[in-house]
Amino acid sequence: MSISTLTGRVLIVGRDLVRNELRTLLPASSWDVAEASCLEQACFVQVNQPCDVLLVDGVLASNGSGESIAWLVATLKRPLVLVSESVAPSILLGVQQGAVWLPVSAAREHPQLLAATLGQAITRGEERRRAILDATRLREAYGRIDRLLGLLWEAAPGTGPARWYSQSHMLERLDEEVARLKRHGGTLSLVLGEVAPADGERLPPAKAHHLAAWVAQRLAEHKRRCDVAGRYGLDGFILVLPRAGSEEAQGACRRFGQLLTKHEQPELPALQARFGHASAPRDAATVQALLRHAEEKLSLARDAG
């Protein structure tokens, strides 16, 4: 559909005479029209039954400084078309903030121009929303890249937070413990975990790095001397628990869950911790089987919230 024929739901905001005139200029068969007599009513309508574009009486929106137009753009987050005869400073400011201006005389003489302007505003609004979404995704991607670069910097065993090993080193240690278990018998448990904000929001890179360092320190302080802790994946951690059975692994999950969700760090939000554990020989004495069982249980914990 071209811009000139694009239609939708329009909210006309303005004085009574202006609203009536603008409504008659729009083809009733093409546009679904809602009305508001003031900016506060426009917000109420938009919250409860959102429109695709706002057609606003420029005189009503102007207050000399452009604050009303800026408020409309920031609050309603919808394409805005201002209709007025004169170009007041507030109208100019609104155009600079993304609004579209159309003279009243042009709308009267060429009603199709009014419809085309509304269609253009909708198209521009969609493009702007996509650009904002793309920018948000790009920032998140940059954040993940920064985290990966941090992991690479700290990849060597023994670097980074105290006793916080890389994933490759942890898998080597797990392989060694599985080999020891097969030679000498006994038990071995594995715990996979992750700590994240309780509200589900992703932390910015600096705070995510601070959280990882804090988690590493808490695990290092409260694990057994024989246990080994390190990174697993981008945001998770892994614990290898030699000579620990399933009950000990469950107890470790409960203990660390309490430790990692209670903190007095002003830089960190409320946290939630999720775990998945596996034990050998009951779960099978191979690295792949232990990881698979633990990841399955962690996924169940993640789904359960």
Protein backbone atom coordinates (compact mmCIF):
# COMPACT_ATOMS: atom_id res chain seq x y z
CA MET A 1 0.00 0.00 0.00
CA SER A 2 1.44 3.41 -0.97
CA ILE A 3 1.76 6.31 1.44
CA SER A 4 -1.01 8.21 -0.35
CA THR A 5 -3.52 5.39 0.22
CA LEU A 6 -2.37 4.26 3.70
CA THR A 7 -5.21 4.47 6.22
CA GLY A 8 -5.80 3.60 9.86
CA ARG A 9 -7.20 4.88 13.13
CA VAL A 10 -6.67 8.61 13.71
CA LEU A 11 -7.18 10.57 16.93
CA ILE A 12 -8.24 14.18 16.25
CA VAL A 13 -7.30 16.48 19.13
CA GLY A 14 -8.48 20.08 19.14
CA ARG A 15 -11.15 22.68 19.68
CA ASP A 16 -14.71 21.78 18.69
CA LEU A 17 -14.80 23.72 15.42
CA VAL A 18 -11.39 22.48 14.34
CA ARG A 19 -12.24 18.84 15.17
CA ASN A 20 -15.47 19.02 13.21
CA GLU A 21 -13.75 20.51 10.18
CA LEU A 22 -10.88 18.01 10.21
CA ARG A 23 -13.33 15.12 10.57
CA THR A 24 -15.28 16.23 7.49
CA LEU A 25 -12.06 16.51 5.46
CA LEU A 26 -11.23 12.84 6.01
CA PRO A 27 -13.01 10.16 3.97
CA ALA A 28 -15.18 8.32 6.49
CA SER A 29 -14.86 5.05 4.60
CA SER A 30 -11.06 5.07 4.89
CA TRP A 31 -10.30 6.40 8.36
CA ASP A 32 -11.53 5.26 11.76
CA VAL A 33 -11.78 8.53 13.71
CA ALA A 34 -11.58 9.11 17.46
CA GLU A 35 -11.74 12.55 19.08
CA ALA A 36 -10.40 14.37 22.11
CA SER A 37 -10.96 17.98 23.15
CA CYS A 38 -7.78 18.35 25.22
CA LEU A 39 -4.34 16.80 25.61
CA GLU A 40 -5.28 14.97 28.80
CA GLN A 41 -8.26 13.33 27.09
CA ALA A 42 -6.00 12.40 24.17
CA CYS A 43 -3.73 10.53 26.57
CA PHE A 44 -6.73 8.75 28.14
CA VAL A 45 -8.04 7.64 24.73
CA GLN A 46 -4.61 6.59 23.53
CA VAL A 47 -3.95 4.45 26.61
CA ASN A 48 -7.30 2.64 26.41
CA GLN A 49 -7.78 2.40 22.62
CA PRO A 50 -4.52 3.30 20.83
CA CYS A 51 -4.62 5.10 17.48
CA ASP A 52 -2.11 4.90 14.65
CA VAL A 53 -1.64 8.68 14.27
CA LEU A 54 -2.64 11.89 16.06
CA LEU A 55 -4.05 14.88 14.18
CA VAL A 56 -3.62 17.81 16.55
CA ASP A 57 -4.91 21.37 16.46
CA GLY A 58 -1.65 23.36 16.52
CA VAL A 59 -3.23 26.22 18.47
CA LEU A 60 -4.34 23.82 21.23
CA ALA A 61 -0.91 22.16 21.40
CA SER A 62 1.04 25.43 21.45
CA ASN A 63 1.83 27.23 24.66
CA GLY A 64 4.62 29.50 23.43
CA SER A 65 7.49 27.23 24.47
CA GLY A 66 6.53 23.99 22.76
CA GLU A 67 6.30 22.09 26.05
CA SER A 68 2.86 20.68 25.22
CA ILE A 69 4.04 19.30 21.88
CA ALA A 70 7.15 17.84 23.48
CA TRP A 71 4.94 16.27 26.13
CA LEU A 72 2.66 14.78 23.47
CA VAL A 73 5.57 13.28 21.54
CA ALA A 74 7.22 11.84 24.67
CA THR A 75 4.02 10.56 26.33
CA LEU A 76 1.95 9.14 23.48
CA LYS A 77 4.81 7.83 21.34
CA ARG A 78 2.72 7.98 18.17
CA PRO A 79 3.15 9.89 14.88
CA LEU A 80 1.93 13.47 15.28
CA VAL A 81 0.51 15.77 12.60
CA LEU A 82 0.08 19.42 13.61
CA VAL A 83 -2.50 21.49 11.74
CA SER A 84 -2.22 25.28 12.01
CA GLU A 85 -2.00 28.28 9.74
CA SER A 86 0.97 30.03 11.32
CA VAL A 87 4.36 28.55 12.12
CA ALA A 88 4.73 29.46 15.77
CA PRO A 89 8.00 28.68 17.60
CA SER A 90 6.25 25.78 19.31
CA ILE A 91 5.20 24.34 15.92
CA LEU A 92 8.79 24.60 14.69
CA LEU A 93 10.00 22.85 17.84
CA GLY A 94 7.43 20.09 17.31
CA VAL A 95 8.65 19.52 13.74
CA GLN A 96 12.23 19.36 15.04
CA GLN A 97 11.08 16.62 17.45
CA GLY A 98 9.52 14.53 14.70
CA ALA A 99 6.03 15.96 14.21
CA VAL A 100 4.65 16.78 10.74
CA TRP A 101 3.14 20.23 10.04
CA LEU A 102 0.33 20.96 7.59
CA PRO A 103 -1.23 24.39 6.98
CA VAL A 104 -4.98 24.55 7.59
CA SER A 105 -5.57 26.23 4.21
CA ALA A 106 -3.79 23.39 2.39
CA ALA A 107 -5.90 20.81 4.19
CA ARG A 108 -9.10 22.68 3.24
CA GLU A 109 -8.18 23.09 -0.42
CA HIS A 110 -6.77 19.59 -0.84
CA PRO A 111 -8.35 17.04 1.53
CA GLN A 112 -6.37 14.30 -0.21
CA LEU A 113 -3.22 16.07 0.96
CA LEU A 114 -4.40 15.73 4.56
CA ALA A 115 -4.97 11.98 4.10
CA ALA A 116 -1.60 11.59 2.39
CA THR A 117 0.12 13.48 5.23
CA LEU A 118 -1.46 11.18 7.81
CA GLY A 119 -0.33 8.16 5.82
CA GLN A 120 3.19 9.55 5.58
CA ALA A 121 3.24 10.16 9.33
CA ILE A 122 2.19 6.55 10.00
CA THR A 123 4.91 5.27 7.70
CA ARG A 124 7.54 7.48 9.33
CA GLY A 125 6.34 6.41 12.77
CA GLU A 126 6.70 2.73 11.87
CA GLU A 127 10.18 3.36 10.50
CA ARG A 128 11.12 5.25 13.66
CA ARG A 129 9.81 2.45 15.90
CA ARG A 130 11.78 -0.11 13.90
CA ALA A 131 14.88 2.07 14.15
CA ILE A 132 14.47 2.31 17.93
CA LEU A 133 13.98 -1.46 18.17
CA ASP A 134 17.04 -2.08 16.00
CA ALA A 135 19.07 0.32 18.13
CA THR A 136 17.97 -1.51 21.30
CA ARG A 137 18.92 -4.87 19.83
CA LEU A 138 22.24 -3.42 18.69
CA ARG A 139 22.99 -2.15 22.20
CA GLU A 140 22.17 -5.59 23.60
CA ALA A 141 24.43 -7.21 21.01
CA TYR A 142 27.24 -4.82 21.91
CA GLY A 143 26.69 -5.68 25.56
CA ARG A 144 26.98 -9.41 24.85
CA ILE A 145 30.12 -8.80 22.79
CA ASP A 146 31.61 -6.83 25.67
CA ARG A 147 30.79 -9.72 28.01
CA LEU A 148 32.40 -12.20 25.60
CA LEU A 149 35.50 -10.05 25.34
CA GLY A 150 35.64 -10.00 29.13
CA LEU A 151 35.38 -13.78 29.20
CA LEU A 152 38.18 -14.08 26.67
CA TRP A 153 40.33 -11.73 28.75
CA GLU A 154 39.73 -13.87 31.81
CA ALA A 155 39.86 -17.21 29.97
CA ALA A 156 43.16 -18.40 31.44
CA PRO A 157 42.70 -20.53 34.60
CA GLY A 158 43.34 -18.56 37.74
CA THR A 159 42.67 -15.12 36.26
CA GLY A 160 39.66 -12.94 36.91
CA PRO A 161 37.78 -13.18 40.22
CA ALA A 162 39.37 -15.27 42.94
CA ARG A 163 39.34 -19.03 42.11
CA TRP A 164 36.92 -18.39 39.22
CA TYR A 165 38.00 -20.69 36.42
CA SER A 166 37.19 -20.60 32.71
CA GLN A 167 34.65 -23.01 31.21
CA SER A 168 37.34 -24.94 29.33
CA HIS A 169 39.32 -25.43 32.53
CA MET A 170 36.18 -26.53 34.40
CA LEU A 171 35.36 -29.14 31.76
CA GLU A 172 38.91 -30.46 32.01
CA ARG A 173 38.53 -30.72 35.80
CA LEU A 174 35.18 -32.46 35.39
CA ASP A 175 36.76 -34.97 33.00
CA GLU A 176 39.51 -35.63 35.55
CA GLU A 177 36.97 -36.18 38.34
CA VAL A 178 34.95 -38.57 36.16
CA ALA A 179 38.12 -40.54 35.41
CA ARG A 180 38.95 -40.65 39.14
CA LEU A 181 35.40 -41.83 39.90
CA LYS A 182 35.74 -44.69 37.41
CA ARG A 183 39.09 -45.76 38.90
CA HIS A 184 38.30 -45.48 42.59
CA GLY A 185 34.50 -45.40 42.86
CA GLY A 186 32.54 -43.12 45.14
CA THR A 187 30.24 -40.26 44.14
CA LEU A 188 30.49 -37.09 42.09
CA SER A 189 27.99 -34.27 41.57
CA LEU A 190 27.74 -31.37 39.18
CA VAL A 191 25.75 -28.15 39.62
CA LEU A 192 24.93 -25.66 36.87
CA GLY A 193 23.54 -22.32 37.97
CA GLU A 194 22.67 -18.82 36.91
CA VAL A 195 21.88 -15.62 38.76
CA ALA A 196 19.82 -12.88 37.14
CA PRO A 197 17.67 -9.87 38.11
CA ALA A 198 14.35 -11.00 39.55
CA ASP A 199 12.43 -8.65 37.22
CA GLY A 200 13.88 -10.37 34.15
CA GLU A 201 15.67 -7.26 32.85
CA ARG A 202 19.14 -7.60 31.34
CA LEU A 203 21.88 -5.73 33.21
CA PRO A 204 24.18 -3.32 31.35
CA PRO A 205 27.71 -4.69 30.76
CA ALA A 206 29.33 -2.92 33.72
CA LYS A 207 26.73 -4.18 36.20
CA ALA A 208 26.74 -7.67 34.65
CA HIS A 209 30.50 -7.86 35.18
CA HIS A 210 30.07 -6.66 38.78
CA LEU A 211 27.40 -9.34 39.35
CA ALA A 212 29.65 -12.09 37.92
CA ALA A 213 32.51 -11.02 40.18
CA TRP A 214 30.20 -10.92 43.21
CA VAL A 215 28.80 -14.40 42.44
CA ALA A 216 32.33 -15.75 42.04
CA GLN A 217 33.36 -14.31 45.40
CA ARG A 218 30.29 -15.71 47.18
CA LEU A 219 30.85 -19.18 45.75
CA ALA A 220 34.56 -19.08 46.59
CA GLU A 221 33.81 -18.10 50.20
CA HIS A 222 31.11 -20.72 50.88
CA LYS A 223 31.99 -23.79 48.82
CA ARG A 224 33.90 -26.73 50.26
CA ARG A 225 37.67 -26.68 49.89
CA CYS A 226 37.55 -29.63 47.49
CA ASP A 227 34.82 -28.12 45.29
CA VAL A 228 35.76 -26.31 42.09
CA ALA A 229 33.80 -23.33 40.72
CA GLY A 230 33.97 -21.49 37.41
CA ARG A 231 32.11 -20.00 34.48
CA TYR A 232 29.64 -21.87 32.31
CA GLY A 233 28.20 -20.18 29.25
CA LEU A 234 27.85 -16.43 29.03
CA ASP A 235 26.07 -15.72 32.33
CA GLY A 236 26.14 -19.00 34.23
CA PHE A 237 28.48 -20.92 36.51
CA ILE A 238 29.43 -24.52 37.16
CA LEU A 239 30.32 -26.32 40.38
CA VAL A 240 32.11 -29.67 40.46
CA LEU A 241 31.46 -31.43 43.79
CA PRO A 242 33.79 -34.42 44.35
CA ARG A 243 32.58 -37.09 46.78
CA ALA A 244 29.09 -35.55 46.89
CA GLY A 245 25.91 -37.45 46.14
CA SER A 246 22.51 -36.24 45.00
CA GLU A 247 21.37 -35.14 48.47
CA GLU A 248 24.57 -33.14 48.99
CA ALA A 249 24.10 -31.51 45.57
CA GLN A 250 20.51 -30.56 46.43
CA GLY A 251 21.70 -29.12 49.74
CA ALA A 252 24.37 -27.11 47.93
CA CYS A 253 21.73 -25.70 45.56
CA ARG A 254 19.55 -24.64 48.47
CA ARG A 255 22.48 -23.13 50.36
CA PHE A 256 23.85 -21.21 47.39
CA GLY A 257 20.34 -20.12 46.38
CA GLN A 258 19.94 -18.38 49.75
CA LEU A 259 23.42 -16.87 49.56
CA LEU A 260 23.01 -15.53 46.03
CA THR A 261 19.56 -13.97 46.43
CA LYS A 262 20.34 -12.09 49.66
CA HIS A 263 22.79 -9.24 49.29
CA GLU A 264 23.49 -5.71 50.44
CA GLN A 265 24.97 -4.52 47.17
CA PRO A 266 23.42 -1.14 46.21
CA GLU A 267 24.69 -1.62 42.64
CA LEU A 268 22.68 -4.84 42.20
CA PRO A 269 18.89 -5.30 41.89
CA ALA A 270 16.84 -8.05 43.54
CA LEU A 271 18.17 -11.38 42.27
CA GLN A 272 16.88 -14.86 41.56
CA ALA A 273 19.04 -17.99 41.31
CA ARG A 274 18.29 -21.16 39.34
CA PHE A 275 20.11 -24.48 39.49
CA GLY A 276 20.31 -27.83 37.80
CA HIS A 277 22.30 -30.70 39.28
CA ALA A 278 23.35 -34.22 38.35
CA SER A 279 25.13 -36.95 40.26
CA ALA A 280 27.18 -40.01 39.31
CA PRO A 281 27.12 -42.96 39.24
CA ARG A 282 23.33 -42.74 39.51
CA ASP A 283 22.98 -40.28 36.60
CA ALA A 284 25.83 -41.96 34.61
CA ALA A 285 29.55 -41.45 34.96
CA THR A 286 30.33 -39.52 31.77
CA VAL A 287 30.95 -35.82 31.29
CA GLN A 288 28.31 -35.58 28.56
CA ALA A 289 25.64 -37.36 30.62
CA LEU A 290 26.28 -35.24 33.71
CA LEU A 291 26.10 -32.01 31.74
CA ARG A 292 22.97 -33.13 29.90
CA HIS A 293 21.12 -34.07 33.10
CA ALA A 294 22.15 -30.84 34.83
CA GLU A 295 21.19 -28.69 31.83
CA GLU A 296 17.78 -30.39 31.61
CA LYS A 297 17.08 -29.64 35.27
CA LEU A 298 18.31 -26.05 34.88
CA SER A 299 15.99 -25.62 31.92
CA LEU A 300 13.07 -26.93 34.01
CA ALA A 301 13.95 -24.49 36.78
CA ARG A 302 14.12 -21.67 34.23
CA ASP A 303 10.69 -22.56 32.83
CA ALA A 304 9.24 -22.75 36.32
CA GLY A 305 10.50 -19.25 37.09
